[in-house]
Amino acid sequence: MMIDCDTCTVRGAACGDCIVTFLTIPVPAGQVDLDEAEQTAIGVLAESGLVPPLRLVRAC
């Protein structure tokens, strides 16, 4: 999964509570590439309340 913060429609408003901001302060070049295992691990941590969830909302 390629996360491109420049294409997120809630950028700015949701950055403070997004896992990308939490893990990569500051976001390098606005993009983060997560493989399936990383996505699963982040999902488990977010569901447990240990980290914020991914807030990415892509434009249609």
PDB file of N, CA and C in Angstrom:
ATOM      1  N   MET A   1       0.851  -1.161   0.000  1.00  0.00           N
ATOM      2  CA  MET A   1       0.000   0.000   0.000  1.00  0.00           C
ATOM      3  C   MET A   1       0.901   1.229   0.000  1.00  0.00           C
ATOM      4  N   MET A   2       0.740   2.045  -1.011  1.00  0.00           N
ATOM      5  CA  MET A   2       1.471   3.307  -1.077  1.00  0.00           C
ATOM      6  C   MET A   2       0.590   4.399  -0.499  1.00  0.00           C
ATOM      7  N   ILE A   3       1.065   5.048   0.527  1.00  0.00           N
ATOM      8  CA  ILE A   3       0.331   6.138   1.151  1.00  0.00           C
ATOM      9  C   ILE A   3       0.993   7.432   0.709  1.00  0.00           C
ATOM     10  N   ASP A   4       0.276   8.225  -0.043  1.00  0.00           N
ATOM     11  CA  ASP A   4       0.767   9.504  -0.541  1.00  0.00           C
ATOM     12  C   ASP A   4      -0.033  10.596   0.147  1.00  0.00           C
ATOM     13  N   CYS A   5       0.554  11.215   1.127  1.00  0.00           N
ATOM     14  CA  CYS A   5      -0.142  12.237   1.910  1.00  0.00           C
ATOM     15  C   CYS A   5      -0.589  13.417   1.049  1.00  0.00           C
ATOM     16  N   ASP A   6       0.109  13.658  -0.051  1.00  0.00           N
ATOM     17  CA  ASP A   6      -0.272  14.765  -0.930  1.00  0.00           C
ATOM     18  C   ASP A   6      -1.627  14.541  -1.601  1.00  0.00           C
ATOM     19  N   THR A   7      -2.102  13.285  -1.671  1.00  0.00           N
ATOM     20  CA  THR A   7      -3.384  12.997  -2.304  1.00  0.00           C
ATOM     21  C   THR A   7      -4.502  12.755  -1.286  1.00  0.00           C
ATOM     22  N   CYS A   8      -4.197  12.878  -0.009  1.00  0.00           N
ATOM     23  CA  CYS A   8      -5.196  12.644   1.037  1.00  0.00           C
ATOM     24  C   CYS A   8      -6.136  13.841   1.127  1.00  0.00           C
ATOM     25  N   THR A   9      -7.432  13.593   1.049  1.00  0.00           N
ATOM     26  CA  THR A   9      -8.410  14.675   1.061  1.00  0.00           C
ATOM     27  C   THR A   9      -8.637  15.270   2.443  1.00  0.00           C
ATOM     28  N   VAL A  10      -8.166  14.608   3.494  1.00  0.00           N
ATOM     29  CA  VAL A  10      -8.306  15.153   4.845  1.00  0.00           C
ATOM     30  C   VAL A  10      -6.952  15.584   5.417  1.00  0.00           C
ATOM     31  N   ARG A  11      -5.980  15.777   4.527  1.00  0.00           N
ATOM     32  CA  ARG A  11      -4.649  16.200   4.953  1.00  0.00           C
ATOM     33  C   ARG A  11      -4.753  17.508   5.722  1.00  0.00           C
ATOM     34  N   GLY A  12      -4.027  17.574   6.782  1.00  0.00           N
ATOM     35  CA  GLY A  12      -4.056  18.755   7.650  1.00  0.00           C
ATOM     36  C   GLY A  12      -5.039  18.556   8.783  1.00  0.00           C
ATOM     37  N   ALA A  13      -6.298  18.326   8.446  1.00  0.00           N
ATOM     38  CA  ALA A  13      -7.339  18.155   9.463  1.00  0.00           C
ATOM     39  C   ALA A  13      -7.160  16.862  10.249  1.00  0.00           C
ATOM     40  N   ALA A  14      -6.679  15.795   9.614  1.00  0.00           N
ATOM     41  CA  ALA A  14      -6.577  14.500  10.274  1.00  0.00           C
ATOM     42  C   ALA A  14      -5.138  14.058  10.531  1.00  0.00           C
ATOM     43  N   CYS A  15      -4.159  14.844  10.139  1.00  0.00           N
ATOM     44  CA  CYS A  15      -2.747  14.447  10.281  1.00  0.00           C
ATOM     45  C   CYS A  15      -2.341  14.192  11.733  1.00  0.00           C
ATOM     46  N   GLY A  16      -2.844  14.988  12.636  1.00  0.00           N
ATOM     47  CA  GLY A  16      -2.462  14.866  14.038  1.00  0.00           C
ATOM     48  C   GLY A  16      -2.863  13.557  14.669  1.00  0.00           C
ATOM     49  N   ASP A  17      -3.834  12.870  14.096  1.00  0.00           N
ATOM     50  CA  ASP A  17      -4.314  11.603  14.642  1.00  0.00           C
ATOM     51  C   ASP A  17      -4.212  10.498  13.599  1.00  0.00           C
ATOM     52  N   CYS A  18      -3.157  10.532  12.778  1.00  0.00           N
ATOM     53  CA  CYS A  18      -2.965   9.528  11.726  1.00  0.00           C
ATOM     54  C   CYS A  18      -1.703   8.728  12.026  1.00  0.00           C
ATOM     55  N   ILE A  19      -1.739   7.439  11.786  1.00  0.00           N
ATOM     56  CA  ILE A  19      -0.595   6.573  12.051  1.00  0.00           C
ATOM     57  C   ILE A  19       0.632   6.997  11.249  1.00  0.00           C
ATOM     58  N   VAL A  20       0.455   7.536  10.054  1.00  0.00           N
ATOM     59  CA  VAL A  20       1.605   7.959   9.246  1.00  0.00           C
ATOM     60  C   VAL A  20       2.362   9.065   9.969  1.00  0.00           C
ATOM     61  N   THR A  21       1.653  10.045  10.494  1.00  0.00           N
ATOM     62  CA  THR A  21       2.290  11.121  11.244  1.00  0.00           C
ATOM     63  C   THR A  21       2.949  10.575  12.499  1.00  0.00           C
ATOM     64  N   PHE A  22       2.276   9.660  13.157  1.00  0.00           N
ATOM     65  CA  PHE A  22       2.781   9.058  14.394  1.00  0.00           C
ATOM     66  C   PHE A  22       4.100   8.332  14.153  1.00  0.00           C
ATOM     67  N   LEU A  23       4.207   7.586  13.067  1.00  0.00           N
ATOM     68  CA  LEU A  23       5.391   6.770  12.794  1.00  0.00           C
ATOM     69  C   LEU A  23       6.502   7.497  12.055  1.00  0.00           C
ATOM     70  N   THR A  24       6.184   8.538  11.310  1.00  0.00           N
ATOM     71  CA  THR A  24       7.178   9.125  10.412  1.00  0.00           C
ATOM     72  C   THR A  24       7.311  10.637  10.545  1.00  0.00           C
ATOM     73  N   ILE A  25       7.292  11.136  11.743  1.00  0.00           N
ATOM     74  CA  ILE A  25       7.392  12.588  11.922  1.00  0.00           C
ATOM     75  C   ILE A  25       8.812  13.025  11.578  1.00  0.00           C
ATOM     76  N   PRO A  26       9.050  13.899  10.612  1.00  0.00           N
ATOM     77  CA  PRO A  26       8.116  14.347   9.585  1.00  0.00           C
ATOM     78  C   PRO A  26       7.990  13.309   8.472  1.00  0.00           C
ATOM     79  N   VAL A  27       6.917  13.365   7.715  1.00  0.00           N
ATOM     80  CA  VAL A  27       6.689  12.418   6.626  1.00  0.00           C
ATOM     81  C   VAL A  27       7.728  12.662   5.529  1.00  0.00           C
ATOM     82  N   PRO A  28       8.522  11.633   5.203  1.00  0.00           N
ATOM     83  CA  PRO A  28       9.540  11.812   4.167  1.00  0.00           C
ATOM     84  C   PRO A  28       8.911  11.911   2.782  1.00  0.00           C
ATOM     85  N   ALA A  29       9.070  13.043   2.136  1.00  0.00           N
ATOM     86  CA  ALA A  29       8.570  13.260   0.771  1.00  0.00           C
ATOM     87  C   ALA A  29       7.074  13.024   0.633  1.00  0.00           C
ATOM     88  N   GLY A  30       6.335  12.973   1.737  1.00  0.00           N
ATOM     89  CA  GLY A  30       4.889  12.833   1.676  1.00  0.00           C
ATOM     90  C   GLY A  30       4.387  11.446   1.333  1.00  0.00           C
ATOM     91  N   GLN A  31       5.290  10.448   1.246  1.00  0.00           N
ATOM     92  CA  GLN A  31       4.853   9.095   0.878  1.00  0.00           C
ATOM     93  C   GLN A  31       5.443   8.061   1.821  1.00  0.00           C
ATOM     94  N   VAL A  32       4.638   7.050   2.122  1.00  0.00           N
ATOM     95  CA  VAL A  32       5.073   5.914   2.927  1.00  0.00           C
ATOM     96  C   VAL A  32       4.553   4.669   2.240  1.00  0.00           C
ATOM     97  N   ASP A  33       5.401   3.649   2.112  1.00  0.00           N
ATOM     98  CA  ASP A  33       4.992   2.397   1.476  1.00  0.00           C
ATOM     99  C   ASP A  33       4.909   1.313   2.545  1.00  0.00           C
ATOM    100  N   LEU A  34       3.705   0.772   2.770  1.00  0.00           N
ATOM    101  CA  LEU A  34       3.492  -0.267   3.773  1.00  0.00           C
ATOM    102  C   LEU A  34       3.181  -1.592   3.092  1.00  0.00           C
ATOM    103  N   ASP A  35       3.895  -2.654   3.488  1.00  0.00           N
ATOM    104  CA  ASP A  35       3.560  -3.967   2.942  1.00  0.00           C
ATOM    105  C   ASP A  35       2.404  -4.561   3.740  1.00  0.00           C
ATOM    106  N   GLU A  36       1.925  -5.726   3.325  1.00  0.00           N
ATOM    107  CA  GLU A  36       0.736  -6.327   3.953  1.00  0.00           C
ATOM    108  C   GLU A  36       0.956  -6.623   5.430  1.00  0.00           C
ATOM    109  N   ALA A  37       2.129  -7.111   5.801  1.00  0.00           N
ATOM    110  CA  ALA A  37       2.414  -7.421   7.206  1.00  0.00           C
ATOM    111  C   ALA A  37       2.398  -6.156   8.060  1.00  0.00           C
ATOM    112  N   GLU A  38       2.947  -5.073   7.534  1.00  0.00           N
ATOM    113  CA  GLU A  38       2.946  -3.804   8.262  1.00  0.00           C
ATOM    114  C   GLU A  38       1.529  -3.267   8.417  1.00  0.00           C
ATOM    115  N   GLN A  39       0.721  -3.388   7.370  1.00  0.00           N
ATOM    116  CA  GLN A  39      -0.670  -2.934   7.440  1.00  0.00           C
ATOM    117  C   GLN A  39      -1.431  -3.708   8.507  1.00  0.00           C
ATOM    118  N   THR A  40      -1.214  -5.021   8.555  1.00  0.00           N
ATOM    119  CA  THR A  40      -1.880  -5.867   9.546  1.00  0.00           C
ATOM    120  C   THR A  40      -1.446  -5.487  10.954  1.00  0.00           C
ATOM    121  N   ALA A  41      -0.142  -5.301  11.150  1.00  0.00           N
ATOM    122  CA  ALA A  41       0.375  -4.945  12.474  1.00  0.00           C
ATOM    123  C   ALA A  41      -0.173  -3.602  12.935  1.00  0.00           C
ATOM    124  N   ILE A  42      -0.211  -2.634  12.054  1.00  0.00           N
ATOM    125  CA  ILE A  42      -0.743  -1.315  12.409  1.00  0.00           C
ATOM    126  C   ILE A  42      -2.227  -1.421  12.739  1.00  0.00           C
ATOM    127  N   GLY A  43      -2.962  -2.234  11.988  1.00  0.00           N
ATOM    128  CA  GLY A  43      -4.378  -2.437  12.274  1.00  0.00           C
ATOM    129  C   GLY A  43      -4.604  -3.015  13.658  1.00  0.00           C
ATOM    130  N   VAL A  44      -3.796  -4.007  14.040  1.00  0.00           N
ATOM    131  CA  VAL A  44      -3.909  -4.620  15.369  1.00  0.00           C
ATOM    132  C   VAL A  44      -3.578  -3.598  16.458  1.00  0.00           C
ATOM    133  N   LEU A  45      -2.493  -2.847  16.269  1.00  0.00           N
ATOM    134  CA  LEU A  45      -2.119  -1.827  17.257  1.00  0.00           C
ATOM    135  C   LEU A  45      -3.181  -0.743  17.375  1.00  0.00           C
ATOM    136  N   ALA A  46      -3.748  -0.324  16.243  1.00  0.00           N
ATOM    137  CA  ALA A  46      -4.783   0.713  16.261  1.00  0.00           C
ATOM    138  C   ALA A  46      -6.054   0.214  16.946  1.00  0.00           C
ATOM    139  N   GLU A  47      -6.457  -1.013  16.655  1.00  0.00           N
ATOM    140  CA  GLU A  47      -7.653  -1.569  17.287  1.00  0.00           C
ATOM    141  C   GLU A  47      -7.481  -1.704  18.794  1.00  0.00           C
ATOM    142  N   SER A  48      -6.233  -1.889  19.238  1.00  0.00           N
ATOM    143  CA  SER A  48      -5.940  -2.001  20.664  1.00  0.00           C
ATOM    144  C   SER A  48      -5.816  -0.647  21.335  1.00  0.00           C
ATOM    145  N   GLY A  49      -5.827   0.429  20.530  1.00  0.00           N
ATOM    146  CA  GLY A  49      -5.713   1.766  21.084  1.00  0.00           C
ATOM    147  C   GLY A  49      -4.282   2.205  21.373  1.00  0.00           C
ATOM    148  N   LEU A  50      -3.294   1.439  20.883  1.00  0.00           N
ATOM    149  CA  LEU A  50      -1.898   1.768  21.154  1.00  0.00           C
ATOM    150  C   LEU A  50      -1.321   2.812  20.206  1.00  0.00           C
ATOM    151  N   VAL A  51      -1.864   2.903  19.002  1.00  0.00           N
ATOM    152  CA  VAL A  51      -1.441   3.914  18.023  1.00  0.00           C
ATOM    153  C   VAL A  51      -2.686   4.424  17.325  1.00  0.00           C
ATOM    154  N   PRO A  52      -2.613   5.612  16.734  1.00  0.00           N
ATOM    155  CA  PRO A  52      -3.761   6.107  15.983  1.00  0.00           C
ATOM    156  C   PRO A  52      -3.932   5.311  14.687  1.00  0.00           C
ATOM    157  N   PRO A  53      -5.134   5.234  14.153  1.00  0.00           N
ATOM    158  CA  PRO A  53      -5.365   4.501  12.897  1.00  0.00           C
ATOM    159  C   PRO A  53      -4.902   5.325  11.695  1.00  0.00           C
ATOM    160  N   LEU A  54      -4.860   4.674  10.558  1.00  0.00           N
ATOM    161  CA  LEU A  54      -4.586   5.368   9.308  1.00  0.00           C
ATOM    162  C   LEU A  54      -5.804   6.196   8.956  1.00  0.00           C
ATOM    163  N   ARG A  55      -5.613   7.482   8.708  1.00  0.00           N
ATOM    164  CA  ARG A  55      -6.722   8.392   8.416  1.00  0.00           C
ATOM    165  C   ARG A  55      -6.790   8.776   6.945  1.00  0.00           C
ATOM    166  N   LEU A  56      -5.993   8.099   6.103  1.00  0.00           N
ATOM    167  CA  LEU A  56      -5.918   8.432   4.684  1.00  0.00           C
ATOM    168  C   LEU A  56      -7.286   8.307   4.018  1.00  0.00           C
ATOM    169  N   VAL A  57      -7.682   9.342   3.316  1.00  0.00           N
ATOM    170  CA  VAL A  57      -8.901   9.332   2.506  1.00  0.00           C
ATOM    171  C   VAL A  57      -8.498   9.797   1.116  1.00  0.00           C
ATOM    172  N   ARG A  58      -8.516   8.886   0.155  1.00  0.00           N
ATOM    173  CA  ARG A  58      -8.109   9.221  -1.200  1.00  0.00           C
ATOM    174  C   ARG A  58      -9.249   9.872  -1.965  1.00  0.00           C
ATOM    175  N   ALA A  59      -8.896  10.828  -2.807  1.00  0.00           N
ATOM    176  CA  ALA A  59      -9.898  11.458  -3.669  1.00  0.00           C
ATOM    177  C   ALA A  59     -10.345  10.446  -4.717  1.00  0.00           C
ATOM    178  N   CYS A  60     -11.596  10.483  -5.072  1.00  0.00           N
ATOM    179  CA  CYS A  60     -12.152   9.537  -6.062  1.00  0.00           C
ATOM    180  C   CYS A  60     -11.820   9.964  -7.471  1.00  0.00           C
TER     181      CYS A  60
END
